[in-house]
Amino acid sequence: MEDARIRYNRVLSAVADAVRAAGPMARPVRLVAVSKKHSTAAIRELYALGQRQFGENYVQELVAKARELSDLSELRWVFVGRLQSNKMAQLVQVAAEIQSVSNERHARLLAKAARDFAPRLPIAVHILINAGDESSKDGATMDEAERIAAVIMAELPELELRGIMAIPPPLAADAAATPPELYLQLRALANKIGAHELSLGMSGDLHQAVAAGSNCVRIGTALFGPRP
Protein backbone atom coordinates (compact mmCIF):
# COMPACT_ATOMS: atom_id res chain seq x y z
CA MET A 1 0.00 0.00 0.00
CA GLU A 2 1.35 3.43 -0.93
CA ASP A 3 2.29 5.69 1.90
CA ALA A 4 0.89 9.15 2.54
CA ARG A 5 3.96 10.97 1.25
CA ILE A 6 3.77 9.33 -2.18
CA ARG A 7 0.05 10.08 -2.53
CA TYR A 8 0.45 13.65 -1.30
CA ASN A 9 3.34 14.42 -3.64
CA ARG A 10 1.44 12.90 -6.57
CA VAL A 11 -1.56 15.14 -5.90
CA LEU A 12 0.60 18.25 -5.46
CA SER A 13 2.30 17.44 -8.77
CA ALA A 14 -1.06 16.97 -10.49
CA VAL A 15 -2.27 20.35 -9.24
CA ALA A 16 0.98 22.01 -10.34
CA ASP A 17 0.70 20.35 -13.78
CA ALA A 18 -2.87 21.59 -14.12
CA VAL A 19 -1.82 25.14 -13.26
CA ARG A 20 1.04 25.03 -15.79
CA ALA A 21 -1.25 23.63 -18.47
CA ALA A 22 -3.77 26.42 -17.84
CA GLY A 23 -1.18 28.97 -18.92
CA PRO A 24 -0.16 32.40 -17.64
CA MET A 25 -3.72 33.38 -16.70
CA ALA A 26 -4.06 30.48 -14.23
CA ARG A 27 -4.95 31.45 -10.69
CA PRO A 28 -3.15 30.16 -7.59
CA VAL A 29 -4.93 27.02 -6.43
CA ARG A 30 -5.35 25.86 -2.84
CA LEU A 31 -5.86 22.24 -1.96
CA VAL A 32 -8.53 21.05 0.46
CA ALA A 33 -7.91 17.46 1.55
CA VAL A 34 -11.34 15.87 1.94
CA SER A 35 -10.91 13.63 4.96
CA LYS A 36 -14.45 12.39 5.61
CA LYS A 37 -14.57 8.84 6.98
CA HIS A 38 -10.78 8.77 7.27
CA SER A 39 -8.98 8.49 10.59
CA THR A 40 -7.41 11.26 12.61
CA ALA A 41 -4.13 9.34 12.25
CA ALA A 42 -4.34 9.77 8.46
CA ILE A 43 -5.02 13.48 8.91
CA ARG A 44 -2.01 13.78 11.21
CA GLU A 45 0.15 12.15 8.54
CA LEU A 46 -0.86 14.70 5.91
CA TYR A 47 -0.53 17.56 8.38
CA ALA A 48 3.03 16.46 9.13
CA LEU A 49 3.73 16.62 5.38
CA GLY A 50 2.50 20.22 5.19
CA GLN A 51 -1.23 20.02 4.42
CA ARG A 52 -3.26 22.46 6.51
CA GLN A 53 -6.80 22.56 5.08
CA PHE A 54 -9.07 19.55 5.57
CA GLY A 55 -12.64 19.13 4.35
CA GLU A 56 -15.39 17.28 6.19
CA ASN A 57 -18.99 16.46 5.22
CA TYR A 58 -20.64 15.58 8.54
CA VAL A 59 -20.85 17.88 11.54
CA GLN A 60 -20.63 15.20 14.23
CA GLU A 61 -17.57 13.65 12.59
CA LEU A 62 -15.97 17.07 12.20
CA VAL A 63 -16.58 18.02 15.83
CA ALA A 64 -15.10 14.74 17.08
CA LYS A 65 -12.03 15.08 14.87
CA ALA A 66 -11.54 18.73 15.81
CA ARG A 67 -11.52 17.75 19.48
CA GLU A 68 -9.02 14.94 18.94
CA LEU A 69 -6.74 17.06 16.76
CA SER A 70 -6.92 20.27 18.78
CA ASP A 71 -3.15 20.19 19.29
CA LEU A 72 -2.59 20.85 15.54
CA SER A 73 -2.67 24.62 15.84
CA GLU A 74 -2.54 25.43 12.11
CA LEU A 75 -5.17 22.93 10.98
CA ARG A 76 -8.07 24.66 9.23
CA TRP A 77 -11.39 22.83 8.92
CA VAL A 78 -13.47 23.37 5.78
CA PHE A 79 -17.06 22.11 5.84
CA VAL A 80 -18.27 20.87 2.44
CA GLY A 81 -21.35 18.88 3.44
CA ARG A 82 -25.08 19.53 3.62
CA LEU A 83 -26.06 22.19 6.15
CA GLN A 84 -28.59 21.31 8.85
CA SER A 85 -30.09 24.08 10.94
CA ASN A 86 -29.99 22.06 14.18
CA LYS A 87 -26.23 21.52 13.89
CA MET A 88 -25.07 25.01 12.93
CA ALA A 89 -24.18 26.01 16.49
CA GLN A 90 -21.77 23.08 16.71
CA LEU A 91 -20.43 23.67 13.23
CA VAL A 92 -19.46 27.33 13.65
CA GLN A 93 -17.42 26.49 16.74
CA VAL A 94 -14.93 24.42 14.75
CA ALA A 95 -15.17 25.24 11.02
CA ALA A 96 -13.10 28.10 9.68
CA GLU A 97 -14.85 27.91 6.31
CA ILE A 98 -18.22 26.61 5.13
CA GLN A 99 -18.58 25.93 1.40
CA SER A 100 -22.19 24.77 1.27
CA VAL A 101 -24.58 27.69 1.85
CA SER A 102 -27.38 26.83 -0.56
CA ASN A 103 -30.17 29.28 0.32
CA GLU A 104 -30.93 32.56 2.07
CA ARG A 105 -32.56 30.90 5.08
CA HIS A 106 -29.44 28.89 5.81
CA ALA A 107 -27.26 31.98 5.35
CA ARG A 108 -29.31 33.86 7.97
CA LEU A 109 -29.35 30.94 10.41
CA LEU A 110 -25.62 30.43 9.96
CA ALA A 111 -24.94 34.12 10.61
CA LYS A 112 -26.98 33.97 13.82
CA ALA A 113 -25.18 30.83 14.97
CA ALA A 114 -21.84 32.46 14.20
CA ARG A 115 -22.80 35.57 16.16
CA ASP A 116 -23.79 33.46 19.17
CA PHE A 117 -21.23 30.66 19.14
CA ALA A 118 -18.27 31.18 16.79
CA PRO A 119 -14.91 31.86 18.47
CA ARG A 120 -13.84 34.11 15.59
CA LEU A 121 -15.75 36.27 13.13
CA PRO A 122 -16.39 36.45 10.28
CA ILE A 123 -16.67 32.86 9.04
CA ALA A 124 -15.70 32.37 5.40
CA VAL A 125 -18.51 30.96 3.27
CA HIS A 126 -19.17 29.88 -0.29
CA ILE A 127 -22.56 29.64 -1.95
CA LEU A 128 -23.20 26.10 -3.15
CA ILE A 129 -24.40 25.90 -6.77
CA ASN A 130 -26.41 22.96 -8.09
CA ALA A 131 -24.52 23.19 -11.35
CA GLY A 132 -26.21 20.28 -13.09
CA ASP A 133 -29.70 21.01 -11.74
CA GLU A 134 -29.64 17.53 -10.17
CA SER A 135 -32.55 16.62 -7.90
CA SER A 136 -30.28 14.54 -5.67
CA LYS A 137 -28.05 17.52 -4.81
CA ASP A 138 -28.51 20.65 -2.74
CA GLY A 139 -27.58 24.02 -4.14
CA ALA A 140 -28.82 27.29 -5.53
CA THR A 141 -29.35 28.15 -9.16
CA MET A 142 -27.01 30.74 -10.61
CA ASP A 143 -29.71 33.43 -10.40
CA GLU A 144 -30.50 32.51 -6.80
CA ALA A 145 -26.80 32.66 -5.94
CA GLU A 146 -26.56 36.33 -6.90
CA ARG A 147 -29.52 37.15 -4.65
CA ILE A 148 -28.05 35.17 -1.73
CA ALA A 149 -24.73 36.93 -2.25
CA ALA A 150 -26.39 40.34 -2.10
CA VAL A 151 -28.06 39.44 1.22
CA ILE A 152 -24.83 38.13 2.76
CA MET A 153 -22.79 41.15 1.79
CA ALA A 154 -25.44 43.73 2.75
CA GLU A 155 -26.94 42.19 5.89
CA LEU A 156 -24.78 39.44 7.40
CA PRO A 157 -21.41 40.78 8.62
CA GLU A 158 -20.80 37.54 10.53
CA LEU A 159 -20.14 35.86 7.17
CA GLU A 160 -17.32 36.62 4.75
CA LEU A 161 -18.44 35.66 1.26
CA ARG A 162 -15.57 34.05 -0.61
CA GLY A 163 -17.34 32.93 -3.79
CA ILE A 164 -19.06 29.77 -4.98
CA MET A 165 -18.64 26.01 -4.74
CA ALA A 166 -19.99 23.46 -7.20
CA ILE A 167 -19.96 19.73 -7.86
CA PRO A 168 -20.92 19.41 -11.55
CA PRO A 169 -22.09 16.13 -13.07
CA PRO A 170 -19.14 13.77 -13.65
CA LEU A 171 -17.21 14.21 -16.87
CA ALA A 172 -16.66 11.29 -19.21
CA ALA A 173 -13.43 9.39 -18.55
CA ASP A 174 -12.07 10.47 -21.94
CA ALA A 175 -13.16 14.12 -21.64
CA ALA A 176 -10.83 16.69 -23.18
CA ALA A 177 -8.69 18.79 -20.84
CA THR A 178 -10.43 21.95 -22.05
CA PRO A 179 -13.13 23.15 -19.63
CA PRO A 180 -16.78 22.53 -20.55
CA GLU A 181 -19.03 25.55 -21.03
CA LEU A 182 -20.66 24.89 -17.65
CA TYR A 183 -17.29 25.34 -15.92
CA LEU A 184 -16.74 28.66 -17.68
CA GLN A 185 -20.22 29.79 -16.61
CA LEU A 186 -19.33 28.94 -13.01
CA ARG A 187 -16.15 31.00 -13.25
CA ALA A 188 -18.15 33.93 -14.66
CA LEU A 189 -20.55 33.65 -11.73
CA ALA A 190 -17.69 33.51 -9.23
CA ASN A 191 -16.29 36.68 -10.77
CA LYS A 192 -19.48 38.47 -9.68
CA ILE A 193 -19.65 37.15 -6.14
CA GLY A 194 -17.73 37.90 -2.97
CA ALA A 195 -13.98 37.48 -3.21
CA HIS A 196 -14.36 35.73 -6.59
CA GLU A 197 -13.19 32.31 -5.41
CA LEU A 198 -14.35 29.28 -7.37
CA SER A 199 -14.19 26.00 -5.46
CA LEU A 200 -14.43 23.53 -8.31
CA GLY A 201 -12.54 20.39 -9.18
CA MET A 202 -11.89 16.95 -7.73
CA SER A 203 -9.67 14.10 -8.88
CA GLY A 204 -11.71 13.38 -12.01
CA ASP A 205 -11.95 16.93 -13.35
CA LEU A 206 -8.90 18.64 -11.88
CA HIS A 207 -7.43 19.84 -15.17
CA GLN A 208 -10.73 21.11 -16.57
CA ALA A 209 -11.53 22.95 -13.34
CA VAL A 210 -8.15 24.67 -13.11
CA ALA A 211 -8.29 25.55 -16.80
CA ALA A 212 -11.66 27.22 -16.14
CA GLY A 213 -10.11 29.29 -13.33
CA SER A 214 -10.78 27.31 -10.17
CA ASN A 215 -8.98 28.70 -7.11
CA CYS A 216 -9.71 25.72 -4.87
CA VAL A 217 -9.78 21.97 -5.51
CA ARG A 218 -11.14 19.32 -3.17
CA ILE A 219 -9.32 15.98 -3.26
CA GLY A 220 -10.11 12.94 -1.12
CA THR A 221 -9.40 9.40 -2.31
CA ALA A 222 -6.22 10.33 -4.21
CA LEU A 223 -4.79 11.62 -0.92
CA PHE A 224 -6.13 9.14 1.61
CA GLY A 225 -6.86 6.05 -0.43
CA PRO A 226 -10.30 4.33 -0.51
CA ARG A 227 -12.69 5.26 2.28
CA PRO A 228 -13.15 2.66 5.00
C-alpha atoms as a PDB file:
ATOM      1  CA  MET A   1       0.000   0.000   0.000  1.00  0.00           C
ATOM      2  CA  GLU A   2       1.353   3.426  -0.933  1.00  0.00           C
ATOM      3  CA  ASP A   3       2.290   5.690   1.903  1.00  0.00           C
ATOM      4  CA  ALA A   4       0.888   9.150   2.538  1.00  0.00           C
ATOM      5  CA  ARG A   5       3.959  10.972   1.250  1.00  0.00           C
ATOM      6  CA  ILE A   6       3.766   9.332  -2.183  1.00  0.00           C
ATOM      7  CA  ARG A   7       0.052  10.083  -2.532  1.00  0.00           C
ATOM      8  CA  TYR A   8       0.448  13.651  -1.303  1.00  0.00           C
ATOM      9  CA  ASN A   9       3.344  14.417  -3.642  1.00  0.00           C
ATOM     10  CA  ARG A  10       1.441  12.904  -6.566  1.00  0.00           C
ATOM     11  CA  VAL A  11      -1.561  15.142  -5.902  1.00  0.00           C
ATOM     12  CA  LEU A  12       0.595  18.247  -5.460  1.00  0.00           C
ATOM     13  CA  SER A  13       2.302  17.436  -8.765  1.00  0.00           C
ATOM     14  CA  ALA A  14      -1.057  16.975 -10.493  1.00  0.00           C
ATOM     15  CA  VAL A  15      -2.265  20.354  -9.237  1.00  0.00           C
ATOM     16  CA  ALA A  16       0.981  22.007 -10.344  1.00  0.00           C
ATOM     17  CA  ASP A  17       0.699  20.351 -13.775  1.00  0.00           C
ATOM     18  CA  ALA A  18      -2.874  21.589 -14.123  1.00  0.00           C
ATOM     19  CA  VAL A  19      -1.825  25.143 -13.262  1.00  0.00           C
ATOM     20  CA  ARG A  20       1.038  25.030 -15.789  1.00  0.00           C
ATOM     21  CA  ALA A  21      -1.255  23.631 -18.471  1.00  0.00           C
ATOM     22  CA  ALA A  22      -3.771  26.419 -17.843  1.00  0.00           C
ATOM     23  CA  GLY A  23      -1.179  28.967 -18.915  1.00  0.00           C
ATOM     24  CA  PRO A  24      -0.159  32.399 -17.643  1.00  0.00           C
ATOM     25  CA  MET A  25      -3.718  33.376 -16.700  1.00  0.00           C
ATOM     26  CA  ALA A  26      -4.058  30.477 -14.233  1.00  0.00           C
ATOM     27  CA  ARG A  27      -4.948  31.454 -10.691  1.00  0.00           C
ATOM     28  CA  PRO A  28      -3.145  30.163  -7.586  1.00  0.00           C
ATOM     29  CA  VAL A  29      -4.925  27.016  -6.426  1.00  0.00           C
ATOM     30  CA  ARG A  30      -5.355  25.862  -2.844  1.00  0.00           C
ATOM     31  CA  LEU A  31      -5.857  22.235  -1.955  1.00  0.00           C
ATOM     32  CA  VAL A  32      -8.531  21.052   0.465  1.00  0.00           C
ATOM     33  CA  ALA A  33      -7.908  17.462   1.554  1.00  0.00           C
ATOM     34  CA  VAL A  34     -11.344  15.869   1.944  1.00  0.00           C
ATOM     35  CA  SER A  35     -10.909  13.632   4.959  1.00  0.00           C
ATOM     36  CA  LYS A  36     -14.452  12.391   5.611  1.00  0.00           C
ATOM     37  CA  LYS A  37     -14.568   8.839   6.983  1.00  0.00           C
ATOM     38  CA  HIS A  38     -10.778   8.771   7.271  1.00  0.00           C
ATOM     39  CA  SER A  39      -8.978   8.485  10.592  1.00  0.00           C
ATOM     40  CA  THR A  40      -7.407  11.255  12.607  1.00  0.00           C
ATOM     41  CA  ALA A  41      -4.131   9.339  12.250  1.00  0.00           C
ATOM     42  CA  ALA A  42      -4.342   9.767   8.465  1.00  0.00           C
ATOM     43  CA  ILE A  43      -5.024  13.482   8.912  1.00  0.00           C
ATOM     44  CA  ARG A  44      -2.006  13.776  11.212  1.00  0.00           C
ATOM     45  CA  GLU A  45       0.151  12.150   8.538  1.00  0.00           C
ATOM     46  CA  LEU A  46      -0.861  14.703   5.907  1.00  0.00           C
ATOM     47  CA  TYR A  47      -0.535  17.561   8.378  1.00  0.00           C
ATOM     48  CA  ALA A  48       3.029  16.460   9.127  1.00  0.00           C
ATOM     49  CA  LEU A  49       3.732  16.620   5.379  1.00  0.00           C
ATOM     50  CA  GLY A  50       2.501  20.217   5.195  1.00  0.00           C
ATOM     51  CA  GLN A  51      -1.229  20.017   4.420  1.00  0.00           C
ATOM     52  CA  ARG A  52      -3.261  22.455   6.506  1.00  0.00           C
ATOM     53  CA  GLN A  53      -6.801  22.558   5.080  1.00  0.00           C
ATOM     54  CA  PHE A  54      -9.073  19.552   5.566  1.00  0.00           C
ATOM     55  CA  GLY A  55     -12.643  19.129   4.352  1.00  0.00           C
ATOM     56  CA  GLU A  56     -15.394  17.280   6.188  1.00  0.00           C
ATOM     57  CA  ASN A  57     -18.989  16.463   5.221  1.00  0.00           C
ATOM     58  CA  TYR A  58     -20.638  15.576   8.542  1.00  0.00           C
ATOM     59  CA  VAL A  59     -20.851  17.878  11.540  1.00  0.00           C
ATOM     60  CA  GLN A  60     -20.627  15.201  14.231  1.00  0.00           C
ATOM     61  CA  GLU A  61     -17.572  13.648  12.592  1.00  0.00           C
ATOM     62  CA  LEU A  62     -15.974  17.069  12.197  1.00  0.00           C
ATOM     63  CA  VAL A  63     -16.579  18.021  15.835  1.00  0.00           C
ATOM     64  CA  ALA A  64     -15.099  14.744  17.085  1.00  0.00           C
ATOM     65  CA  LYS A  65     -12.027  15.085  14.871  1.00  0.00           C
ATOM     66  CA  ALA A  66     -11.536  18.729  15.814  1.00  0.00           C
ATOM     67  CA  ARG A  67     -11.522  17.750  19.477  1.00  0.00           C
ATOM     68  CA  GLU A  68      -9.024  14.937  18.936  1.00  0.00           C
ATOM     69  CA  LEU A  69      -6.741  17.060  16.755  1.00  0.00           C
ATOM     70  CA  SER A  70      -6.916  20.272  18.783  1.00  0.00           C
ATOM     71  CA  ASP A  71      -3.146  20.188  19.288  1.00  0.00           C
ATOM     72  CA  LEU A  72      -2.594  20.847  15.544  1.00  0.00           C
ATOM     73  CA  SER A  73      -2.668  24.621  15.843  1.00  0.00           C
ATOM     74  CA  GLU A  74      -2.542  25.429  12.113  1.00  0.00           C
ATOM     75  CA  LEU A  75      -5.174  22.933  10.984  1.00  0.00           C
ATOM     76  CA  ARG A  76      -8.075  24.663   9.228  1.00  0.00           C
ATOM     77  CA  TRP A  77     -11.391  22.833   8.919  1.00  0.00           C
ATOM     78  CA  VAL A  78     -13.473  23.373   5.775  1.00  0.00           C
ATOM     79  CA  PHE A  79     -17.063  22.110   5.837  1.00  0.00           C
ATOM     80  CA  VAL A  80     -18.274  20.875   2.440  1.00  0.00           C
ATOM     81  CA  GLY A  81     -21.354  18.879   3.439  1.00  0.00           C
ATOM     82  CA  ARG A  82     -25.080  19.528   3.622  1.00  0.00           C
ATOM     83  CA  LEU A  83     -26.061  22.191   6.152  1.00  0.00           C
ATOM     84  CA  GLN A  84     -28.592  21.308   8.848  1.00  0.00           C
ATOM     85  CA  SER A  85     -30.088  24.080  10.943  1.00  0.00           C
ATOM     86  CA  ASN A  86     -29.993  22.060  14.178  1.00  0.00           C
ATOM     87  CA  LYS A  87     -26.234  21.525  13.893  1.00  0.00           C
ATOM     88  CA  MET A  88     -25.074  25.011  12.927  1.00  0.00           C
ATOM     89  CA  ALA A  89     -24.176  26.014  16.487  1.00  0.00           C
ATOM     90  CA  GLN A  90     -21.773  23.075  16.708  1.00  0.00           C
ATOM     91  CA  LEU A  91     -20.428  23.674  13.226  1.00  0.00           C
ATOM     92  CA  VAL A  92     -19.459  27.328  13.651  1.00  0.00           C
ATOM     93  CA  GLN A  93     -17.419  26.494  16.737  1.00  0.00           C
ATOM     94  CA  VAL A  94     -14.927  24.419  14.746  1.00  0.00           C
ATOM     95  CA  ALA A  95     -15.175  25.240  11.023  1.00  0.00           C
ATOM     96  CA  ALA A  96     -13.100  28.104   9.676  1.00  0.00           C
ATOM     97  CA  GLU A  97     -14.851  27.907   6.311  1.00  0.00           C
ATOM     98  CA  ILE A  98     -18.222  26.608   5.128  1.00  0.00           C
ATOM     99  CA  GLN A  99     -18.576  25.927   1.398  1.00  0.00           C
ATOM    100  CA  SER A 100     -22.186  24.772   1.273  1.00  0.00           C
ATOM    101  CA  VAL A 101     -24.585  27.686   1.852  1.00  0.00           C
ATOM    102  CA  SER A 102     -27.384  26.833  -0.560  1.00  0.00           C
ATOM    103  CA  ASN A 103     -30.173  29.277   0.323  1.00  0.00           C
ATOM    104  CA  GLU A 104     -30.926  32.564   2.072  1.00  0.00           C
ATOM    105  CA  ARG A 105     -32.557  30.898   5.078  1.00  0.00           C
ATOM    106  CA  HIS A 106     -29.439  28.892   5.810  1.00  0.00           C
ATOM    107  CA  ALA A 107     -27.265  31.976   5.355  1.00  0.00           C
ATOM    108  CA  ARG A 108     -29.305  33.858   7.965  1.00  0.00           C
ATOM    109  CA  LEU A 109     -29.346  30.940  10.408  1.00  0.00           C
ATOM    110  CA  LEU A 110     -25.625  30.432   9.962  1.00  0.00           C
ATOM    111  CA  ALA A 111     -24.942  34.119  10.615  1.00  0.00           C
ATOM    112  CA  LYS A 112     -26.984  33.971  13.824  1.00  0.00           C
ATOM    113  CA  ALA A 113     -25.182  30.827  14.971  1.00  0.00           C
ATOM    114  CA  ALA A 114     -21.845  32.462  14.201  1.00  0.00           C
ATOM    115  CA  ARG A 115     -22.801  35.567  16.162  1.00  0.00           C
ATOM    116  CA  ASP A 116     -23.790  33.463  19.169  1.00  0.00           C
ATOM    117  CA  PHE A 117     -21.226  30.661  19.139  1.00  0.00           C
ATOM    118  CA  ALA A 118     -18.266  31.184  16.790  1.00  0.00           C
ATOM    119  CA  PRO A 119     -14.914  31.855  18.469  1.00  0.00           C
ATOM    120  CA  ARG A 120     -13.844  34.114  15.591  1.00  0.00           C
ATOM    121  CA  LEU A 121     -15.747  36.270  13.133  1.00  0.00           C
ATOM    122  CA  PRO A 122     -16.387  36.453  10.277  1.00  0.00           C
ATOM    123  CA  ILE A 123     -16.673  32.865   9.043  1.00  0.00           C
ATOM    124  CA  ALA A 124     -15.696  32.374   5.400  1.00  0.00           C
ATOM    125  CA  VAL A 125     -18.506  30.963   3.265  1.00  0.00           C
ATOM    126  CA  HIS A 126     -19.168  29.879  -0.292  1.00  0.00           C
ATOM    127  CA  ILE A 127     -22.558  29.644  -1.953  1.00  0.00           C
ATOM    128  CA  LEU A 128     -23.203  26.103  -3.154  1.00  0.00           C
ATOM    129  CA  ILE A 129     -24.401  25.899  -6.768  1.00  0.00           C
ATOM    130  CA  ASN A 130     -26.413  22.960  -8.087  1.00  0.00           C
ATOM    131  CA  ALA A 131     -24.517  23.191 -11.346  1.00  0.00           C
ATOM    132  CA  GLY A 132     -26.209  20.275 -13.086  1.00  0.00           C
ATOM    133  CA  ASP A 133     -29.699  21.007 -11.741  1.00  0.00           C
ATOM    134  CA  GLU A 134     -29.640  17.531 -10.174  1.00  0.00           C
ATOM    135  CA  SER A 135     -32.553  16.625  -7.904  1.00  0.00           C
ATOM    136  CA  SER A 136     -30.277  14.545  -5.667  1.00  0.00           C
ATOM    137  CA  LYS A 137     -28.054  17.522  -4.813  1.00  0.00           C
ATOM    138  CA  ASP A 138     -28.509  20.655  -2.736  1.00  0.00           C
ATOM    139  CA  GLY A 139     -27.576  24.019  -4.136  1.00  0.00           C
ATOM    140  CA  ALA A 140     -28.817  27.286  -5.533  1.00  0.00           C
ATOM    141  CA  THR A 141     -29.350  28.150  -9.162  1.00  0.00           C
ATOM    142  CA  MET A 142     -27.014  30.743 -10.612  1.00  0.00           C
ATOM    143  CA  ASP A 143     -29.713  33.426 -10.403  1.00  0.00           C
ATOM    144  CA  GLU A 144     -30.497  32.515  -6.803  1.00  0.00           C
ATOM    145  CA  ALA A 145     -26.797  32.660  -5.943  1.00  0.00           C
ATOM    146  CA  GLU A 146     -26.561  36.325  -6.904  1.00  0.00           C
ATOM    147  CA  ARG A 147     -29.518  37.149  -4.647  1.00  0.00           C
ATOM    148  CA  ILE A 148     -28.055  35.173  -1.729  1.00  0.00           C
ATOM    149  CA  ALA A 149     -24.728  36.928  -2.249  1.00  0.00           C
ATOM    150  CA  ALA A 150     -26.388  40.337  -2.095  1.00  0.00           C
ATOM    151  CA  VAL A 151     -28.056  39.444   1.219  1.00  0.00           C
ATOM    152  CA  ILE A 152     -24.833  38.129   2.762  1.00  0.00           C
ATOM    153  CA  MET A 153     -22.794  41.154   1.791  1.00  0.00           C
ATOM    154  CA  ALA A 154     -25.439  43.726   2.755  1.00  0.00           C
ATOM    155  CA  GLU A 155     -26.940  42.194   5.888  1.00  0.00           C
ATOM    156  CA  LEU A 156     -24.777  39.435   7.399  1.00  0.00           C
ATOM    157  CA  PRO A 157     -21.407  40.784   8.615  1.00  0.00           C
ATOM    158  CA  GLU A 158     -20.799  37.542  10.526  1.00  0.00           C
ATOM    159  CA  LEU A 159     -20.138  35.857   7.170  1.00  0.00           C
ATOM    160  CA  GLU A 160     -17.322  36.616   4.749  1.00  0.00           C
ATOM    161  CA  LEU A 161     -18.443  35.656   1.259  1.00  0.00           C
ATOM    162  CA  ARG A 162     -15.566  34.048  -0.609  1.00  0.00           C
ATOM    163  CA  GLY A 163     -17.340  32.932  -3.789  1.00  0.00           C
ATOM    164  CA  ILE A 164     -19.062  29.768  -4.983  1.00  0.00           C
ATOM    165  CA  MET A 165     -18.642  26.011  -4.737  1.00  0.00           C
ATOM    166  CA  ALA A 166     -19.991  23.464  -7.201  1.00  0.00           C
ATOM    167  CA  ILE A 167     -19.962  19.726  -7.863  1.00  0.00           C
ATOM    168  CA  PRO A 168     -20.922  19.413 -11.549  1.00  0.00           C
ATOM    169  CA  PRO A 169     -22.092  16.127 -13.070  1.00  0.00           C
ATOM    170  CA  PRO A 170     -19.140  13.772 -13.651  1.00  0.00           C
ATOM    171  CA  LEU A 171     -17.206  14.214 -16.870  1.00  0.00           C
ATOM    172  CA  ALA A 172     -16.657  11.290 -19.207  1.00  0.00           C
ATOM    173  CA  ALA A 173     -13.433   9.391 -18.549  1.00  0.00           C
ATOM    174  CA  ASP A 174     -12.065  10.472 -21.943  1.00  0.00           C
ATOM    175  CA  ALA A 175     -13.164  14.116 -21.643  1.00  0.00           C
ATOM    176  CA  ALA A 176     -10.827  16.691 -23.176  1.00  0.00           C
ATOM    177  CA  ALA A 177      -8.695  18.795 -20.840  1.00  0.00           C
ATOM    178  CA  THR A 178     -10.433  21.951 -22.051  1.00  0.00           C
ATOM    179  CA  PRO A 179     -13.129  23.151 -19.634  1.00  0.00           C
ATOM    180  CA  PRO A 180     -16.781  22.531 -20.546  1.00  0.00           C
ATOM    181  CA  GLU A 181     -19.027  25.553 -21.035  1.00  0.00           C
ATOM    182  CA  LEU A 182     -20.656  24.895 -17.647  1.00  0.00           C
ATOM    183  CA  TYR A 183     -17.294  25.337 -15.919  1.00  0.00           C
ATOM    184  CA  LEU A 184     -16.744  28.655 -17.685  1.00  0.00           C
ATOM    185  CA  GLN A 185     -20.220  29.790 -16.610  1.00  0.00           C
ATOM    186  CA  LEU A 186     -19.329  28.941 -13.015  1.00  0.00           C
ATOM    187  CA  ARG A 187     -16.151  31.000 -13.251  1.00  0.00           C
ATOM    188  CA  ALA A 188     -18.146  33.929 -14.665  1.00  0.00           C
ATOM    189  CA  LEU A 189     -20.552  33.654 -11.733  1.00  0.00           C
ATOM    190  CA  ALA A 190     -17.687  33.510  -9.229  1.00  0.00           C
ATOM    191  CA  ASN A 191     -16.290  36.676 -10.772  1.00  0.00           C
ATOM    192  CA  LYS A 192     -19.478  38.466  -9.684  1.00  0.00           C
ATOM    193  CA  ILE A 193     -19.652  37.145  -6.145  1.00  0.00           C
ATOM    194  CA  GLY A 194     -17.733  37.895  -2.967  1.00  0.00           C
ATOM    195  CA  ALA A 195     -13.983  37.477  -3.214  1.00  0.00           C
ATOM    196  CA  HIS A 196     -14.358  35.730  -6.585  1.00  0.00           C
ATOM    197  CA  GLU A 197     -13.191  32.311  -5.405  1.00  0.00           C
ATOM    198  CA  LEU A 198     -14.353  29.284  -7.371  1.00  0.00           C
ATOM    199  CA  SER A 199     -14.191  26.005  -5.461  1.00  0.00           C
ATOM    200  CA  LEU A 200     -14.430  23.526  -8.307  1.00  0.00           C
ATOM    201  CA  GLY A 201     -12.539  20.388  -9.176  1.00  0.00           C
ATOM    202  CA  MET A 202     -11.890  16.953  -7.729  1.00  0.00           C
ATOM    203  CA  SER A 203      -9.668  14.102  -8.879  1.00  0.00           C
ATOM    204  CA  GLY A 204     -11.711  13.376 -12.010  1.00  0.00           C
ATOM    205  CA  ASP A 205     -11.951  16.926 -13.353  1.00  0.00           C
ATOM    206  CA  LEU A 206      -8.902  18.641 -11.875  1.00  0.00           C
ATOM    207  CA  HIS A 207      -7.427  19.843 -15.170  1.00  0.00           C
ATOM    208  CA  GLN A 208     -10.725  21.109 -16.572  1.00  0.00           C
ATOM    209  CA  ALA A 209     -11.531  22.954 -13.336  1.00  0.00           C
ATOM    210  CA  VAL A 210      -8.153  24.671 -13.108  1.00  0.00           C
ATOM    211  CA  ALA A 211      -8.288  25.552 -16.798  1.00  0.00           C
ATOM    212  CA  ALA A 212     -11.655  27.220 -16.135  1.00  0.00           C
ATOM    213  CA  GLY A 213     -10.111  29.292 -13.334  1.00  0.00           C
ATOM    214  CA  SER A 214     -10.779  27.313 -10.171  1.00  0.00           C
ATOM    215  CA  ASN A 215      -8.979  28.701  -7.114  1.00  0.00           C
ATOM    216  CA  CYS A 216      -9.709  25.717  -4.867  1.00  0.00           C
ATOM    217  CA  VAL A 217      -9.776  21.970  -5.510  1.00  0.00           C
ATOM    218  CA  ARG A 218     -11.138  19.321  -3.166  1.00  0.00           C
ATOM    219  CA  ILE A 219      -9.323  15.983  -3.260  1.00  0.00           C
ATOM    220  CA  GLY A 220     -10.108  12.938  -1.119  1.00  0.00           C
ATOM    221  CA  THR A 221      -9.396   9.404  -2.308  1.00  0.00           C
ATOM    222  CA  ALA A 222      -6.221  10.333  -4.207  1.00  0.00           C
ATOM    223  CA  LEU A 223      -4.789  11.619  -0.918  1.00  0.00           C
ATOM    224  CA  PHE A 224      -6.127   9.143   1.608  1.00  0.00           C
ATOM    225  CA  GLY A 225      -6.862   6.046  -0.434  1.00  0.00           C
ATOM    226  CA  PRO A 226     -10.298   4.330  -0.509  1.00  0.00           C
ATOM    227  CA  ARG A 227     -12.685   5.256   2.280  1.00  0.00           C
ATOM    228  CA  PRO A 228     -13.151   2.662   4.996  1.00  0.00           C
END
